[in-house]
Amino acid sequence: MSNWGQFLPIVLLVLVFWFIIVRPTRIRSRQAAETQRLLVPGTRIMLGSGIFGTVDAIGDETVDVRVAANTVITVLRQGVARIVPDEPVVDGDGE
């Protein structure tokens, strides 16, 4: 029984490592995969660099992003940080 007492700190350390490092990494990985899956032309996105744009075309490993009227840039799919939800239209008087 005393051997279990010696292993308890190691087991606790492994559990803490799991909850602090491994679990959040898996969650972020799943979220990134879901973002990649939801990409379709016309979707508003934000790149990892903070540039906003609209998906123009999707390739196997790249995405063409329209950032201005006549400006399309090609980025790696992994460069897409998040999908931006459509913003509600606000009246000019703030109501």
C-alpha atoms as a PDB file:
ATOM      1  CA  MET A   1       0.000   0.000   0.000  1.00  0.00           C
ATOM      2  CA  SER A   2       2.866   2.403   0.666  1.00  0.00           C
ATOM      3  CA  ASN A   3       3.974   2.053  -2.984  1.00  0.00           C
ATOM      4  CA  TRP A   4       0.728   3.726  -4.094  1.00  0.00           C
ATOM      5  CA  GLY A   5       1.565   6.721  -1.950  1.00  0.00           C
ATOM      6  CA  GLN A   6       4.831   7.163  -3.843  1.00  0.00           C
ATOM      7  CA  PHE A   7       3.080   7.142  -7.233  1.00  0.00           C
ATOM      8  CA  LEU A   8       0.288   9.538  -6.269  1.00  0.00           C
ATOM      9  CA  PRO A   9       2.315  12.749  -6.939  1.00  0.00           C
ATOM     10  CA  ILE A  10       3.318  11.437 -10.377  1.00  0.00           C
ATOM     11  CA  VAL A  11      -0.282  10.546 -11.234  1.00  0.00           C
ATOM     12  CA  LEU A  12      -1.442  13.985 -10.102  1.00  0.00           C
ATOM     13  CA  LEU A  13       1.275  15.642 -12.183  1.00  0.00           C
ATOM     14  CA  VAL A  14       0.190  13.701 -15.277  1.00  0.00           C
ATOM     15  CA  LEU A  15      -3.451  14.701 -14.719  1.00  0.00           C
ATOM     16  CA  VAL A  16      -2.527  18.366 -14.299  1.00  0.00           C
ATOM     17  CA  PHE A  17      -0.392  18.201 -17.459  1.00  0.00           C
ATOM     18  CA  TRP A  18      -3.338  16.655 -19.324  1.00  0.00           C
ATOM     19  CA  PHE A  19      -5.807  19.355 -18.283  1.00  0.00           C
ATOM     20  CA  ILE A  20      -3.431  22.283 -18.794  1.00  0.00           C
ATOM     21  CA  ILE A  21      -1.640  21.265 -22.015  1.00  0.00           C
ATOM     22  CA  VAL A  22      -3.145  18.346 -23.924  1.00  0.00           C
ATOM     23  CA  ARG A  23      -6.881  18.962 -23.522  1.00  0.00           C
ATOM     24  CA  PRO A  24      -6.889  22.636 -24.646  1.00  0.00           C
ATOM     25  CA  THR A  25      -4.670  21.734 -27.610  1.00  0.00           C
ATOM     26  CA  ARG A  26      -7.133  19.072 -28.738  1.00  0.00           C
ATOM     27  CA  ILE A  27     -10.041  21.491 -28.389  1.00  0.00           C
ATOM     28  CA  ARG A  28      -8.251  24.140 -30.491  1.00  0.00           C
ATOM     29  CA  SER A  29      -7.394  21.516 -33.089  1.00  0.00           C
ATOM     30  CA  ARG A  30     -11.032  20.452 -33.356  1.00  0.00           C
ATOM     31  CA  GLN A  31     -12.146  24.079 -33.655  1.00  0.00           C
ATOM     32  CA  ALA A  32      -9.607  24.716 -36.441  1.00  0.00           C
ATOM     33  CA  ALA A  33     -10.798  21.618 -38.311  1.00  0.00           C
ATOM     34  CA  GLU A  34     -14.408  22.772 -37.968  1.00  0.00           C
ATOM     35  CA  THR A  35     -13.485  26.224 -39.313  1.00  0.00           C
ATOM     36  CA  GLN A  36     -11.780  24.607 -42.311  1.00  0.00           C
ATOM     37  CA  ARG A  37     -14.826  22.433 -42.942  1.00  0.00           C
ATOM     38  CA  LEU A  38     -17.208  25.410 -42.917  1.00  0.00           C
ATOM     39  CA  LEU A  39     -15.273  27.439 -45.501  1.00  0.00           C
ATOM     40  CA  VAL A  40     -17.314  28.097 -48.633  1.00  0.00           C
ATOM     41  CA  PRO A  41     -17.134  30.916 -51.190  1.00  0.00           C
ATOM     42  CA  GLY A  42     -18.821  34.035 -49.845  1.00  0.00           C
ATOM     43  CA  THR A  43     -17.950  33.379 -46.192  1.00  0.00           C
ATOM     44  CA  ARG A  44     -16.568  36.372 -44.230  1.00  0.00           C
ATOM     45  CA  ILE A  45     -13.336  35.389 -42.481  1.00  0.00           C
ATOM     46  CA  MET A  46     -10.466  36.801 -40.475  1.00  0.00           C
ATOM     47  CA  LEU A  47      -6.935  35.639 -41.206  1.00  0.00           C
ATOM     48  CA  GLY A  48      -4.407  34.975 -38.462  1.00  0.00           C
ATOM     49  CA  SER A  49      -2.734  38.272 -39.348  1.00  0.00           C
ATOM     50  CA  GLY A  50      -5.951  40.172 -38.612  1.00  0.00           C
ATOM     51  CA  ILE A  51      -6.919  40.814 -42.237  1.00  0.00           C
ATOM     52  CA  PHE A  52     -10.648  40.534 -42.929  1.00  0.00           C
ATOM     53  CA  GLY A  53     -12.026  39.349 -46.237  1.00  0.00           C
ATOM     54  CA  THR A  54     -14.455  37.127 -48.077  1.00  0.00           C
ATOM     55  CA  VAL A  55     -13.643  33.655 -49.409  1.00  0.00           C
ATOM     56  CA  ASP A  56     -13.535  33.873 -53.200  1.00  0.00           C
ATOM     57  CA  ALA A  57     -12.361  30.338 -54.041  1.00  0.00           C
ATOM     58  CA  ILE A  58     -11.086  27.282 -52.184  1.00  0.00           C
ATOM     59  CA  GLY A  59      -8.306  24.933 -53.261  1.00  0.00           C
ATOM     60  CA  ASP A  60      -6.935  21.814 -51.622  1.00  0.00           C
ATOM     61  CA  GLU A  61      -4.410  23.726 -49.512  1.00  0.00           C
ATOM     62  CA  THR A  62      -5.140  27.369 -50.294  1.00  0.00           C
ATOM     63  CA  VAL A  63      -7.952  29.885 -50.064  1.00  0.00           C
ATOM     64  CA  ASP A  64      -8.400  32.913 -52.312  1.00  0.00           C
ATOM     65  CA  VAL A  65      -9.578  35.805 -50.154  1.00  0.00           C
ATOM     66  CA  ARG A  66     -11.114  39.001 -51.546  1.00  0.00           C
ATOM     67  CA  VAL A  67      -9.903  41.831 -49.303  1.00  0.00           C
ATOM     68  CA  ALA A  68     -11.012  44.740 -51.520  1.00  0.00           C
ATOM     69  CA  ALA A  69     -13.031  45.295 -54.692  1.00  0.00           C
ATOM     70  CA  ASN A  70     -10.287  44.204 -57.117  1.00  0.00           C
ATOM     71  CA  THR A  71      -7.855  42.576 -54.695  1.00  0.00           C
ATOM     72  CA  VAL A  72      -7.712  38.814 -54.131  1.00  0.00           C
ATOM     73  CA  ILE A  73      -4.918  37.224 -52.106  1.00  0.00           C
ATOM     74  CA  THR A  74      -4.070  33.543 -51.845  1.00  0.00           C
ATOM     75  CA  VAL A  75      -3.330  32.171 -48.381  1.00  0.00           C
ATOM     76  CA  LEU A  76      -2.869  28.745 -46.852  1.00  0.00           C
ATOM     77  CA  ARG A  77      -6.051  27.275 -45.408  1.00  0.00           C
ATOM     78  CA  GLN A  78      -4.369  27.164 -41.995  1.00  0.00           C
ATOM     79  CA  GLY A  79      -4.064  30.963 -42.157  1.00  0.00           C
ATOM     80  CA  VAL A  80      -7.811  31.335 -41.630  1.00  0.00           C
ATOM     81  CA  ALA A  81      -8.231  32.122 -37.942  1.00  0.00           C
ATOM     82  CA  ARG A  82     -12.001  32.326 -37.717  1.00  0.00           C
ATOM     83  CA  ILE A  83     -15.265  32.810 -39.518  1.00  0.00           C
ATOM     84  CA  VAL A  84     -16.767  36.237 -38.901  1.00  0.00           C
ATOM     85  CA  PRO A  85     -20.505  36.228 -38.238  1.00  0.00           C
ATOM     86  CA  ASP A  86     -22.633  38.575 -40.290  1.00  0.00           C
ATOM     87  CA  GLU A  87     -22.975  41.874 -38.478  1.00  0.00           C
ATOM     88  CA  PRO A  88     -26.470  43.269 -38.004  1.00  0.00           C
ATOM     89  CA  VAL A  89     -27.268  46.444 -39.905  1.00  0.00           C
ATOM     90  CA  VAL A  90     -27.337  49.455 -37.567  1.00  0.00           C
ATOM     91  CA  ASP A  91     -29.341  52.591 -38.344  1.00  0.00           C
ATOM     92  CA  GLY A  92     -27.396  55.817 -38.744  1.00  0.00           C
ATOM     93  CA  ASP A  93     -28.915  57.285 -35.569  1.00  0.00           C
ATOM     94  CA  GLY A  94     -27.544  54.435 -33.409  1.00  0.00           C
ATOM     95  CA  GLU A  95     -30.930  52.887 -32.586  1.00  0.00           C
END
